[in-house]
Amino acid sequence: MIHTFQFLNNEIRKLSIKELSMCLREGEGILWVDLETPNDAEEETVLVSLFDFHPLAIEDCQRGNEEEGHPPKVEDFQEYLFVVFNPVESVTPAAGGDNLGLIDIKTSQLSAFLSKRALVTHHMRPLKSITYATQLCAKNPLTLGRGPDYLFHIIIDDLVDNYTPILDHLDEMIDAMEDEVFHQPSQDSMVRILQMKKNITTMRRIGLYQREMLNRLSRGEFSLITQQEMIYYRNVYDHLVRMSDMADSYRDTVSGLLDAYLSVTSNRLNQVMKVLTIISTIFLPLGVITGFFGMNFVHLPGSQWEYGVAATAVFMGIVALIMLWIFKRNRWL
């Protein structure tokens, strides 16, 4: 699906493919062409026939069909910039995470070609940020009129803002897991901790790659980003820096949680083994006594005594109590 917008004479109007072709020949106005889940014919028409983008950039665009897409990057082709961004595609409940609200984070790919008078965006799935930018242009045509670099900033700024609720949710899950680990650890706790670690690693990877990319866009390395708009890109860069720092902090916390879980479970196992060892130690001399008096000899002391069984039982009880007293005295209990 192709959506084409043109800013001309303080107005925005939608163009057909034929009108887009004419507009490119005449060089009028500022353009935004959005390709949402395009087919091969639409990609061929827009990316190759009309704009004649580099084949390697087009190939990277088409990697949006893959599970996580191409890693973030920016390339300068002189007449245009090719930028790859990784928005969060979906946040779904993770398996076994109903109680603590564990989620499974997946990313997709947003590719953009940024020139002096045109912005071409390409994505294989609907994106909230593209919808937001479209609504913003409908309300205020100058959103596109200020230039493609300003419009692209609007899109990526909203993409970065969408990371914040996810990080807040991860923070809440970490607090819940801390309570679970120290109070009621279970066999599922390990799975939940590893799922959280995977999500935090995903968010950290997104932040690190895109932080470097935005740093390049905001420091004046590319002439297609005007001096006036650089401050907006620096603002998005600052957001990503904070996001990356939070992800690093969460990763350290989750690693500590994992160590704490292993320590708690190891301590519980030690306590169980301690109790079982004490029980075994107590029954060891009792087994010797019963084994001795259970031998099949004709002349066995006390075998003919009327109170022999009771006396032996009392003696065994006394031995057990003495051993318990020894364990208590030495603080083994």
C-alpha atoms as a PDB file:
ATOM      1  CA  MET A   1       0.000   0.000   0.000  1.00  0.00           C
ATOM      2  CA  ILE A   2       1.386   3.393  -1.038  1.00  0.00           C
ATOM      3  CA  HIS A   3       0.452   6.668   0.658  1.00  0.00           C
ATOM      4  CA  THR A   4       1.809   9.823  -0.956  1.00  0.00           C
ATOM      5  CA  PHE A   5       1.534  13.322   0.502  1.00  0.00           C
ATOM      6  CA  GLN A   6       2.626  16.600  -1.075  1.00  0.00           C
ATOM      7  CA  PHE A   7       3.033  19.933   0.698  1.00  0.00           C
ATOM      8  CA  LEU A   8       2.478  22.816  -1.684  1.00  0.00           C
ATOM      9  CA  ASN A   9       1.057  26.305  -1.123  1.00  0.00           C
ATOM     10  CA  ASN A  10       0.599  25.640   2.620  1.00  0.00           C
ATOM     11  CA  GLU A  11      -1.625  22.653   1.899  1.00  0.00           C
ATOM     12  CA  ILE A  12      -1.203  18.900   1.939  1.00  0.00           C
ATOM     13  CA  ARG A  13      -2.823  16.716  -0.670  1.00  0.00           C
ATOM     14  CA  LYS A  14      -2.643  13.026  -1.439  1.00  0.00           C
ATOM     15  CA  LEU A  15      -1.175  11.996  -4.775  1.00  0.00           C
ATOM     16  CA  SER A  16      -1.617   9.026  -7.028  1.00  0.00           C
ATOM     17  CA  ILE A  17       1.396   7.240  -8.509  1.00  0.00           C
ATOM     18  CA  LYS A  18       0.912   9.126 -11.782  1.00  0.00           C
ATOM     19  CA  GLU A  19       0.714  12.471  -9.988  1.00  0.00           C
ATOM     20  CA  LEU A  20       3.795  11.538  -7.949  1.00  0.00           C
ATOM     21  CA  SER A  21       5.714  10.870 -11.147  1.00  0.00           C
ATOM     22  CA  MET A  22       4.729  14.243 -12.544  1.00  0.00           C
ATOM     23  CA  CYS A  23       5.579  15.981  -9.307  1.00  0.00           C
ATOM     24  CA  LEU A  24       9.074  14.447  -9.291  1.00  0.00           C
ATOM     25  CA  ARG A  25       9.677  15.635 -12.846  1.00  0.00           C
ATOM     26  CA  GLU A  26       8.473  19.158 -12.104  1.00  0.00           C
ATOM     27  CA  GLY A  27      10.205  19.369  -8.723  1.00  0.00           C
ATOM     28  CA  GLU A  28       7.287  20.982  -6.913  1.00  0.00           C
ATOM     29  CA  GLY A  29       6.613  20.925  -3.183  1.00  0.00           C
ATOM     30  CA  ILE A  30       7.799  18.590  -0.426  1.00  0.00           C
ATOM     31  CA  LEU A  31       6.915  14.893  -0.585  1.00  0.00           C
ATOM     32  CA  TRP A  32       6.334  12.055   1.840  1.00  0.00           C
ATOM     33  CA  VAL A  33       5.858   8.600   0.338  1.00  0.00           C
ATOM     34  CA  ASP A  34       4.978   5.834   2.771  1.00  0.00           C
ATOM     35  CA  LEU A  35       5.119   2.196   1.674  1.00  0.00           C
ATOM     36  CA  GLU A  36       3.189   0.020   4.120  1.00  0.00           C
ATOM     37  CA  THR A  37       3.424  -3.736   3.516  1.00  0.00           C
ATOM     38  CA  PRO A  38       4.210  -3.112  -0.174  1.00  0.00           C
ATOM     39  CA  ASN A  39       4.234  -5.848  -2.776  1.00  0.00           C
ATOM     40  CA  ASP A  40       7.059  -6.370  -5.266  1.00  0.00           C
ATOM     41  CA  ALA A  41       5.389  -4.241  -7.937  1.00  0.00           C
ATOM     42  CA  GLU A  42       4.936  -1.282  -5.581  1.00  0.00           C
ATOM     43  CA  GLU A  43       8.543  -1.502  -4.418  1.00  0.00           C
ATOM     44  CA  GLU A  44       9.734  -1.671  -8.021  1.00  0.00           C
ATOM     45  CA  THR A  45       7.633   1.335  -9.010  1.00  0.00           C
ATOM     46  CA  VAL A  46       8.558   3.654  -6.142  1.00  0.00           C
ATOM     47  CA  LEU A  47      12.042   2.614  -5.059  1.00  0.00           C
ATOM     48  CA  VAL A  48      13.478   1.791  -8.478  1.00  0.00           C
ATOM     49  CA  SER A  49      11.504   3.492 -11.258  1.00  0.00           C
ATOM     50  CA  LEU A  50      10.577   6.784  -9.579  1.00  0.00           C
ATOM     51  CA  PHE A  51      13.392   7.438  -7.085  1.00  0.00           C
ATOM     52  CA  ASP A  52      16.154   5.143  -8.422  1.00  0.00           C
ATOM     53  CA  PHE A  53      17.571   4.275  -5.008  1.00  0.00           C
ATOM     54  CA  HIS A  54      20.725   2.195  -4.660  1.00  0.00           C
ATOM     55  CA  PRO A  55      20.132  -1.579  -5.038  1.00  0.00           C
ATOM     56  CA  LEU A  56      21.952  -2.358  -1.779  1.00  0.00           C
ATOM     57  CA  ALA A  57      19.681   0.038   0.129  1.00  0.00           C
ATOM     58  CA  ILE A  58      16.622  -1.547  -1.466  1.00  0.00           C
ATOM     59  CA  GLU A  59      17.920  -4.979  -0.509  1.00  0.00           C
ATOM     60  CA  ASP A  60      18.273  -3.848   3.122  1.00  0.00           C
ATOM     61  CA  CYS A  61      14.716  -2.496   2.944  1.00  0.00           C
ATOM     62  CA  GLN A  62      13.388  -5.868   1.935  1.00  0.00           C
ATOM     63  CA  ARG A  63      14.991  -7.486   4.983  1.00  0.00           C
ATOM     64  CA  GLY A  64      12.018  -6.069   6.867  1.00  0.00           C
ATOM     65  CA  ASN A  65      10.286  -9.355   6.012  1.00  0.00           C
ATOM     66  CA  GLU A  66      12.663 -11.145   8.385  1.00  0.00           C
ATOM     67  CA  GLU A  67      11.781 -11.737  12.026  1.00  0.00           C
ATOM     68  CA  GLU A  68      13.718  -8.798  13.487  1.00  0.00           C
ATOM     69  CA  GLY A  69      14.794  -6.978  10.342  1.00  0.00           C
ATOM     70  CA  HIS A  70      18.103  -5.281   9.610  1.00  0.00           C
ATOM     71  CA  PRO A  71      20.042  -3.743  12.541  1.00  0.00           C
ATOM     72  CA  PRO A  72      19.840   0.083  12.786  1.00  0.00           C
ATOM     73  CA  LYS A  73      22.211   2.009  10.552  1.00  0.00           C
ATOM     74  CA  VAL A  74      22.597   5.200   8.519  1.00  0.00           C
ATOM     75  CA  GLU A  75      24.318   5.496   5.140  1.00  0.00           C
ATOM     76  CA  ASP A  76      25.056   8.604   3.104  1.00  0.00           C
ATOM     77  CA  PHE A  77      24.406   8.305  -0.651  1.00  0.00           C
ATOM     78  CA  GLN A  78      25.169  12.008  -1.245  1.00  0.00           C
ATOM     79  CA  GLU A  79      21.732  12.913  -2.635  1.00  0.00           C
ATOM     80  CA  TYR A  80      19.880  11.074   0.125  1.00  0.00           C
ATOM     81  CA  LEU A  81      20.356   9.330   3.443  1.00  0.00           C
ATOM     82  CA  PHE A  82      19.319   5.737   4.008  1.00  0.00           C
ATOM     83  CA  VAL A  83      18.301   5.070   7.612  1.00  0.00           C
ATOM     84  CA  VAL A  84      17.173   1.833   9.246  1.00  0.00           C
ATOM     85  CA  PHE A  85      15.341   1.997  12.560  1.00  0.00           C
ATOM     86  CA  ASN A  86      14.022  -0.832  14.772  1.00  0.00           C
ATOM     87  CA  PRO A  87      10.654   0.010  16.337  1.00  0.00           C
ATOM     88  CA  VAL A  88       9.052  -2.353  18.815  1.00  0.00           C
ATOM     89  CA  GLU A  89       6.648  -4.322  16.676  1.00  0.00           C
ATOM     90  CA  SER A  90       4.660  -6.104  19.365  1.00  0.00           C
ATOM     91  CA  VAL A  91       4.557  -6.737  23.090  1.00  0.00           C
ATOM     92  CA  THR A  92       2.734  -9.985  23.846  1.00  0.00           C
ATOM     93  CA  PRO A  93       2.292 -11.949  27.081  1.00  0.00           C
ATOM     94  CA  ALA A  94       5.108 -14.445  27.484  1.00  0.00           C
ATOM     95  CA  ALA A  95       4.414 -18.106  28.113  1.00  0.00           C
ATOM     96  CA  GLY A  96       4.049 -18.753  31.820  1.00  0.00           C
ATOM     97  CA  GLY A  97       4.034 -15.050  32.596  1.00  0.00           C
ATOM     98  CA  ASP A  98       0.383 -14.478  33.435  1.00  0.00           C
ATOM     99  CA  ASN A  99       0.951 -13.957  37.151  1.00  0.00           C
ATOM    100  CA  LEU A 100       3.729 -11.405  36.881  1.00  0.00           C
ATOM    101  CA  GLY A 101       2.767  -9.862  33.535  1.00  0.00           C
ATOM    102  CA  LEU A 102       5.877 -11.111  31.735  1.00  0.00           C
ATOM    103  CA  ILE A 103       6.048 -10.008  28.116  1.00  0.00           C
ATOM    104  CA  ASP A 104       7.771 -11.046  24.929  1.00  0.00           C
ATOM    105  CA  ILE A 105       9.254  -8.107  22.982  1.00  0.00           C
ATOM    106  CA  LYS A 106       9.704  -8.291  19.223  1.00  0.00           C
ATOM    107  CA  THR A 107      11.104  -5.658  16.892  1.00  0.00           C
ATOM    108  CA  SER A 108      10.467  -4.849  13.249  1.00  0.00           C
ATOM    109  CA  GLN A 109      12.138  -2.580  10.706  1.00  0.00           C
ATOM    110  CA  LEU A 110      11.462   0.946   9.501  1.00  0.00           C
ATOM    111  CA  SER A 111      13.558   2.028   6.517  1.00  0.00           C
ATOM    112  CA  ALA A 112      13.693   5.644   5.365  1.00  0.00           C
ATOM    113  CA  PHE A 113      15.204   7.491   2.428  1.00  0.00           C
ATOM    114  CA  LEU A 114      15.728  11.150   3.342  1.00  0.00           C
ATOM    115  CA  SER A 115      16.503  13.758   0.673  1.00  0.00           C
ATOM    116  CA  LYS A 116      16.148  17.551   0.462  1.00  0.00           C
ATOM    117  CA  ARG A 117      12.558  17.512  -0.694  1.00  0.00           C
ATOM    118  CA  ALA A 118      11.306  13.966  -0.139  1.00  0.00           C
ATOM    119  CA  LEU A 119      10.979  11.376   2.604  1.00  0.00           C
ATOM    120  CA  VAL A 120      10.287   7.768   1.626  1.00  0.00           C
ATOM    121  CA  THR A 121       9.421   5.382   4.441  1.00  0.00           C
ATOM    122  CA  HIS A 122       9.204   1.609   4.047  1.00  0.00           C
ATOM    123  CA  HIS A 123       7.835  -0.880   6.600  1.00  0.00           C
ATOM    124  CA  MET A 124       6.323  -4.333   6.311  1.00  0.00           C
ATOM    125  CA  ARG A 125       3.883  -3.920   9.206  1.00  0.00           C
ATOM    126  CA  PRO A 126       1.626  -1.064  10.321  1.00  0.00           C
ATOM    127  CA  LEU A 127       3.385   1.298  12.740  1.00  0.00           C
ATOM    128  CA  LYS A 128       1.736   3.580  15.293  1.00  0.00           C
ATOM    129  CA  SER A 129       4.362   6.254  14.732  1.00  0.00           C
ATOM    130  CA  ILE A 130       3.573   6.467  11.025  1.00  0.00           C
ATOM    131  CA  THR A 131      -0.127   6.806  11.854  1.00  0.00           C
ATOM    132  CA  TYR A 132       0.723   9.503  14.396  1.00  0.00           C
ATOM    133  CA  ALA A 133       2.793  11.446  11.841  1.00  0.00           C
ATOM    134  CA  THR A 134      -0.011  11.143   9.271  1.00  0.00           C
ATOM    135  CA  GLN A 135      -2.549  12.560  11.719  1.00  0.00           C
ATOM    136  CA  LEU A 136      -0.140  15.345  12.658  1.00  0.00           C
ATOM    137  CA  CYS A 137       0.296  16.319   9.004  1.00  0.00           C
ATOM    138  CA  ALA A 138      -3.480  16.366   8.520  1.00  0.00           C
ATOM    139  CA  LYS A 139      -3.890  18.728  11.487  1.00  0.00           C
ATOM    140  CA  ASN A 140      -0.891  20.924  10.715  1.00  0.00           C
ATOM    141  CA  PRO A 141       0.443  20.914   7.112  1.00  0.00           C
ATOM    142  CA  LEU A 142       3.613  22.704   8.240  1.00  0.00           C
ATOM    143  CA  THR A 143       4.695  19.431   9.881  1.00  0.00           C
ATOM    144  CA  LEU A 144       5.653  18.320   6.371  1.00  0.00           C
ATOM    145  CA  GLY A 145       6.257  21.880   5.182  1.00  0.00           C
ATOM    146  CA  ARG A 146       9.239  22.312   7.513  1.00  0.00           C
ATOM    147  CA  GLY A 147      11.051  19.661   5.519  1.00  0.00           C
ATOM    148  CA  PRO A 148      11.550  15.892   5.321  1.00  0.00           C
ATOM    149  CA  ASP A 149      14.196  15.989   8.063  1.00  0.00           C
ATOM    150  CA  TYR A 150      11.708  17.520  10.516  1.00  0.00           C
ATOM    151  CA  LEU A 151       9.009  14.988   9.622  1.00  0.00           C
ATOM    152  CA  PHE A 152      11.450  12.107  10.042  1.00  0.00           C
ATOM    153  CA  HIS A 153      12.360  13.449  13.483  1.00  0.00           C
ATOM    154  CA  ILE A 154       8.649  13.371  14.408  1.00  0.00           C
ATOM    155  CA  ILE A 155       8.454   9.694  13.432  1.00  0.00           C
ATOM    156  CA  ILE A 156      11.567   8.472  15.239  1.00  0.00           C
ATOM    157  CA  ASP A 157      10.810  10.604  18.304  1.00  0.00           C
ATOM    158  CA  ASP A 158       7.460   8.851  18.676  1.00  0.00           C
ATOM    159  CA  LEU A 159       9.150   5.470  18.128  1.00  0.00           C
ATOM    160  CA  VAL A 160      11.596   6.182  20.946  1.00  0.00           C
ATOM    161  CA  ASP A 161       8.810   7.447  23.221  1.00  0.00           C
ATOM    162  CA  ASN A 162       7.057   4.087  22.743  1.00  0.00           C
ATOM    163  CA  TYR A 163      10.007   2.382  24.465  1.00  0.00           C
ATOM    164  CA  THR A 164       9.343   4.156  27.775  1.00  0.00           C
ATOM    165  CA  PRO A 165       6.147   2.260  28.778  1.00  0.00           C
ATOM    166  CA  ILE A 166       7.948  -1.017  28.052  1.00  0.00           C
ATOM    167  CA  LEU A 167      10.854  -0.075  30.309  1.00  0.00           C
ATOM    168  CA  ASP A 168       8.413   0.993  33.030  1.00  0.00           C
ATOM    169  CA  HIS A 169       6.681  -2.379  32.734  1.00  0.00           C
ATOM    170  CA  LEU A 170      10.021  -4.175  32.980  1.00  0.00           C
ATOM    171  CA  ASP A 171      10.786  -2.173  36.122  1.00  0.00           C
ATOM    172  CA  GLU A 172       7.511  -3.316  37.697  1.00  0.00           C
ATOM    173  CA  MET A 173       8.248  -6.930  36.754  1.00  0.00           C
ATOM    174  CA  ILE A 174      11.700  -6.719  38.347  1.00  0.00           C
ATOM    175  CA  ASP A 175      10.161  -5.486  41.614  1.00  0.00           C
ATOM    176  CA  ALA A 176       7.634  -8.334  41.532  1.00  0.00           C
ATOM    177  CA  MET A 177      10.362 -10.878  40.838  1.00  0.00           C
ATOM    178  CA  GLU A 178      12.442  -9.576  43.742  1.00  0.00           C
ATOM    179  CA  ASP A 179       9.536 -10.278  46.100  1.00  0.00           C
ATOM    180  CA  GLU A 180       9.045 -13.729  44.603  1.00  0.00           C
ATOM    181  CA  VAL A 181      12.723 -14.694  44.734  1.00  0.00           C
ATOM    182  CA  PHE A 182      13.184 -13.732  48.379  1.00  0.00           C
ATOM    183  CA  HIS A 183       9.843 -14.965  49.680  1.00  0.00           C
ATOM    184  CA  GLN A 184       8.403 -17.752  47.521  1.00  0.00           C
ATOM    185  CA  PRO A 185      10.884 -18.898  44.872  1.00  0.00           C
ATOM    186  CA  SER A 186       9.603 -21.668  42.622  1.00  0.00           C
ATOM    187  CA  GLN A 187      10.877 -23.714  39.722  1.00  0.00           C
ATOM    188  CA  ASP A 188       9.239 -21.237  37.308  1.00  0.00           C
ATOM    189  CA  SER A 189      11.181 -18.318  38.788  1.00  0.00           C
ATOM    190  CA  MET A 190      14.267 -19.173  36.755  1.00  0.00           C
ATOM    191  CA  VAL A 191      12.240 -19.173  33.517  1.00  0.00           C
ATOM    192  CA  ARG A 192      10.722 -15.790  34.351  1.00  0.00           C
ATOM    193  CA  ILE A 193      14.093 -14.268  35.204  1.00  0.00           C
ATOM    194  CA  LEU A 194      15.638 -15.510  31.955  1.00  0.00           C
ATOM    195  CA  GLN A 195      12.655 -14.166  29.991  1.00  0.00           C
ATOM    196  CA  MET A 196      13.138 -10.751  31.591  1.00  0.00           C
ATOM    197  CA  LYS A 197      16.853 -10.885  30.823  1.00  0.00           C
ATOM    198  CA  LYS A 198      16.071 -11.621  27.176  1.00  0.00           C
ATOM    199  CA  ASN A 199      13.678  -8.650  26.962  1.00  0.00           C
ATOM    200  CA  ILE A 200      16.144  -6.286  28.617  1.00  0.00           C
ATOM    201  CA  THR A 201      18.897  -7.469  26.261  1.00  0.00           C
ATOM    202  CA  THR A 202      16.606  -6.720  23.312  1.00  0.00           C
ATOM    203  CA  MET A 203      15.876  -3.204  24.580  1.00  0.00           C
ATOM    204  CA  ARG A 204      19.558  -2.607  25.306  1.00  0.00           C
ATOM    205  CA  ARG A 205      20.568  -3.745  21.833  1.00  0.00           C
ATOM    206  CA  ILE A 206      17.993  -1.430  20.272  1.00  0.00           C
ATOM    207  CA  GLY A 207      19.210   1.479  22.379  1.00  0.00           C
ATOM    208  CA  LEU A 208      22.918   0.982  21.699  1.00  0.00           C
ATOM    209  CA  TYR A 209      22.630   0.665  17.914  1.00  0.00           C
ATOM    210  CA  GLN A 210      20.169   3.507  17.493  1.00  0.00           C
ATOM    211  CA  ARG A 211      22.009   5.768  19.928  1.00  0.00           C
ATOM    212  CA  GLU A 212      25.097   5.660  17.751  1.00  0.00           C
ATOM    213  CA  MET A 213      23.007   6.268  14.642  1.00  0.00           C
ATOM    214  CA  LEU A 214      21.206   9.280  16.155  1.00  0.00           C
ATOM    215  CA  ASN A 215      24.495  10.642  17.420  1.00  0.00           C
ATOM    216  CA  ARG A 216      25.686  10.787  13.826  1.00  0.00           C
ATOM    217  CA  LEU A 217      22.445  12.435  12.680  1.00  0.00           C
ATOM    218  CA  SER A 218      22.556  15.075  15.413  1.00  0.00           C
ATOM    219  CA  ARG A 219      26.190  16.211  15.279  1.00  0.00           C
ATOM    220  CA  GLY A 220      26.194  17.747  11.782  1.00  0.00           C
ATOM    221  CA  GLU A 221      27.821  14.869   9.933  1.00  0.00           C
ATOM    222  CA  PHE A 222      25.179  14.917   7.174  1.00  0.00           C
ATOM    223  CA  SER A 223      24.261  18.047   5.228  1.00  0.00           C
ATOM    224  CA  LEU A 224      20.709  16.791   4.624  1.00  0.00           C
ATOM    225  CA  ILE A 225      19.950  17.362   8.333  1.00  0.00           C
ATOM    226  CA  THR A 226      19.726  21.144   8.666  1.00  0.00           C
ATOM    227  CA  GLN A 227      21.250  23.040  11.556  1.00  0.00           C
ATOM    228  CA  GLN A 228      17.772  24.097  12.622  1.00  0.00           C
ATOM    229  CA  GLU A 229      16.559  20.493  12.977  1.00  0.00           C
ATOM    230  CA  MET A 230      19.696  19.061  14.601  1.00  0.00           C
ATOM    231  CA  ILE A 231      18.517  20.123  18.052  1.00  0.00           C
ATOM    232  CA  TYR A 232      15.445  17.893  17.671  1.00  0.00           C
ATOM    233  CA  TYR A 233      17.624  14.915  16.771  1.00  0.00           C
ATOM    234  CA  ARG A 234      19.813  15.660  19.801  1.00  0.00           C
ATOM    235  CA  ASN A 235      16.686  15.558  21.933  1.00  0.00           C
ATOM    236  CA  VAL A 236      15.810  12.089  20.590  1.00  0.00           C
ATOM    237  CA  TYR A 237      19.432  11.072  21.161  1.00  0.00           C
ATOM    238  CA  ASP A 238      19.181  12.151  24.809  1.00  0.00           C
ATOM    239  CA  HIS A 239      16.060  10.015  25.217  1.00  0.00           C
ATOM    240  CA  LEU A 240      17.890   7.012  23.816  1.00  0.00           C
ATOM    241  CA  VAL A 241      20.854   7.583  26.114  1.00  0.00           C
ATOM    242  CA  ARG A 242      18.543   7.519  29.135  1.00  0.00           C
ATOM    243  CA  MET A 243      16.811   4.429  27.784  1.00  0.00           C
ATOM    244  CA  SER A 244      20.139   2.646  27.298  1.00  0.00           C
ATOM    245  CA  ASP A 245      21.262   3.590  30.810  1.00  0.00           C
ATOM    246  CA  MET A 246      18.004   2.238  32.248  1.00  0.00           C
ATOM    247  CA  ALA A 247      18.393  -0.991  30.261  1.00  0.00           C
ATOM    248  CA  ASP A 248      21.962  -1.377  31.573  1.00  0.00           C
ATOM    249  CA  SER A 249      20.735  -0.828  35.121  1.00  0.00           C
ATOM    250  CA  TYR A 250      17.927  -3.363  34.659  1.00  0.00           C
ATOM    251  CA  ARG A 251      20.348  -5.899  33.199  1.00  0.00           C
ATOM    252  CA  ASP A 252      22.595  -5.621  36.263  1.00  0.00           C
ATOM    253  CA  THR A 253      19.563  -5.921  38.545  1.00  0.00           C
ATOM    254  CA  VAL A 254      18.282  -9.028  36.758  1.00  0.00           C
ATOM    255  CA  SER A 255      21.759 -10.587  36.868  1.00  0.00           C
ATOM    256  CA  GLY A 256      21.756  -9.941  40.620  1.00  0.00           C
ATOM    257  CA  LEU A 257      18.277 -11.480  40.823  1.00  0.00           C
ATOM    258  CA  LEU A 258      19.531 -14.587  39.071  1.00  0.00           C
ATOM    259  CA  ASP A 259      22.437 -14.877  41.502  1.00  0.00           C
ATOM    260  CA  ALA A 260      20.058 -14.296  44.419  1.00  0.00           C
ATOM    261  CA  TYR A 261      17.685 -16.986  43.142  1.00  0.00           C
ATOM    262  CA  LEU A 262      20.522 -19.486  42.852  1.00  0.00           C
ATOM    263  CA  SER A 263      21.743 -18.570  46.343  1.00  0.00           C
ATOM    264  CA  VAL A 264      18.272 -18.890  47.881  1.00  0.00           C
ATOM    265  CA  THR A 265      17.568 -22.233  46.207  1.00  0.00           C
ATOM    266  CA  SER A 266      21.043 -23.477  47.142  1.00  0.00           C
ATOM    267  CA  ASN A 267      20.478 -22.427  50.757  1.00  0.00           C
ATOM    268  CA  ARG A 268      17.087 -24.164  50.808  1.00  0.00           C
ATOM    269  CA  LEU A 269      18.705 -27.297  49.397  1.00  0.00           C
ATOM    270  CA  ASN A 270      21.413 -27.104  52.050  1.00  0.00           C
ATOM    271  CA  GLN A 271      18.780 -26.849  54.776  1.00  0.00           C
ATOM    272  CA  VAL A 272      16.963 -29.883  53.400  1.00  0.00           C
ATOM    273  CA  MET A 273      20.178 -31.848  53.136  1.00  0.00           C
ATOM    274  CA  LYS A 274      21.101 -30.788  56.684  1.00  0.00           C
ATOM    275  CA  VAL A 275      17.816 -32.102  58.092  1.00  0.00           C
ATOM    276  CA  LEU A 276      18.103 -35.347  56.145  1.00  0.00           C
ATOM    277  CA  THR A 277      21.694 -35.791  57.287  1.00  0.00           C
ATOM    278  CA  ILE A 278      20.728 -35.272  60.952  1.00  0.00           C
ATOM    279  CA  ILE A 279      17.880 -37.774  60.617  1.00  0.00           C
ATOM    280  CA  SER A 280      20.223 -40.301  59.012  1.00  0.00           C
ATOM    281  CA  THR A 281      22.859 -39.714  61.692  1.00  0.00           C
ATOM    282  CA  ILE A 282      20.330 -40.235  64.504  1.00  0.00           C
ATOM    283  CA  PHE A 283      19.045 -43.471  62.999  1.00  0.00           C
ATOM    284  CA  LEU A 284      22.538 -44.826  62.421  1.00  0.00           C
ATOM    285  CA  PRO A 285      23.223 -45.908  66.080  1.00  0.00           C
ATOM    286  CA  LEU A 286      19.594 -46.984  66.396  1.00  0.00           C
ATOM    287  CA  GLY A 287      20.137 -49.266  63.429  1.00  0.00           C
ATOM    288  CA  VAL A 288      23.245 -50.688  65.134  1.00  0.00           C
ATOM    289  CA  ILE A 289      21.245 -51.407  68.311  1.00  0.00           C
ATOM    290  CA  THR A 290      18.356 -53.073  66.476  1.00  0.00           C
ATOM    291  CA  GLY A 291      20.831 -55.013  64.360  1.00  0.00           C
ATOM    292  CA  PHE A 292      22.657 -56.249  67.415  1.00  0.00           C
ATOM    293  CA  PHE A 293      19.555 -57.428  69.243  1.00  0.00           C
ATOM    294  CA  GLY A 294      18.082 -58.800  66.047  1.00  0.00           C
ATOM    295  CA  MET A 295      20.829 -61.399  65.617  1.00  0.00           C
ATOM    296  CA  ASN A 296      19.662 -65.025  65.678  1.00  0.00           C
ATOM    297  CA  PHE A 297      21.855 -66.326  68.496  1.00  0.00           C
ATOM    298  CA  VAL A 298      20.545 -68.750  71.121  1.00  0.00           C
ATOM    299  CA  HIS A 299      22.163 -66.948  74.043  1.00  0.00           C
ATOM    300  CA  LEU A 300      21.481 -63.222  73.563  1.00  0.00           C
ATOM    301  CA  PRO A 301      21.557 -60.873  76.611  1.00  0.00           C
ATOM    302  CA  GLY A 302      18.050 -59.771  77.530  1.00  0.00           C
ATOM    303  CA  SER A 303      16.317 -61.977  74.970  1.00  0.00           C
ATOM    304  CA  GLN A 304      14.456 -63.878  77.687  1.00  0.00           C
ATOM    305  CA  TRP A 305      13.776 -60.812  79.817  1.00  0.00           C
ATOM    306  CA  GLU A 306      10.132 -59.841  80.162  1.00  0.00           C
ATOM    307  CA  TYR A 307      10.864 -56.118  79.715  1.00  0.00           C
ATOM    308  CA  GLY A 308      13.650 -56.492  77.171  1.00  0.00           C
ATOM    309  CA  VAL A 309      11.816 -54.886  74.250  1.00  0.00           C
ATOM    310  CA  ALA A 310      10.665 -51.896  76.340  1.00  0.00           C
ATOM    311  CA  ALA A 311      14.130 -51.390  77.813  1.00  0.00           C
ATOM    312  CA  THR A 312      15.706 -51.486  74.358  1.00  0.00           C
ATOM    313  CA  ALA A 313      13.179 -48.952  73.055  1.00  0.00           C
ATOM    314  CA  VAL A 314      13.861 -46.617  76.000  1.00  0.00           C
ATOM    315  CA  PHE A 315      17.599 -46.991  75.469  1.00  0.00           C
ATOM    316  CA  MET A 316      17.229 -46.137  71.769  1.00  0.00           C
ATOM    317  CA  GLY A 317      15.131 -43.062  72.672  1.00  0.00           C
ATOM    318  CA  ILE A 318      17.786 -41.907  75.141  1.00  0.00           C
ATOM    319  CA  VAL A 319      20.492 -42.296  72.467  1.00  0.00           C
ATOM    320  CA  ALA A 320      18.427 -40.230  70.003  1.00  0.00           C
ATOM    321  CA  LEU A 321      17.851 -37.460  72.571  1.00  0.00           C
ATOM    322  CA  ILE A 322      21.541 -37.360  73.482  1.00  0.00           C
ATOM    323  CA  MET A 323      22.454 -36.964  69.813  1.00  0.00           C
ATOM    324  CA  LEU A 324      19.890 -34.195  69.354  1.00  0.00           C
ATOM    325  CA  TRP A 325      21.349 -32.425  72.413  1.00  0.00           C
ATOM    326  CA  ILE A 326      24.856 -32.710  70.935  1.00  0.00           C
ATOM    327  CA  PHE A 327      23.651 -31.246  67.593  1.00  0.00           C
ATOM    328  CA  LYS A 328      21.895 -28.396  69.402  1.00  0.00           C
ATOM    329  CA  ARG A 329      24.919 -27.663  71.597  1.00  0.00           C
ATOM    330  CA  ASN A 330      27.191 -27.441  68.542  1.00  0.00           C
ATOM    331  CA  ARG A 331      24.582 -25.281  66.695  1.00  0.00           C
ATOM    332  CA  TRP A 332      24.162 -27.779  63.899  1.00  0.00           C
ATOM    333  CA  LEU A 333      20.397 -27.393  64.200  1.00  0.00           C
END
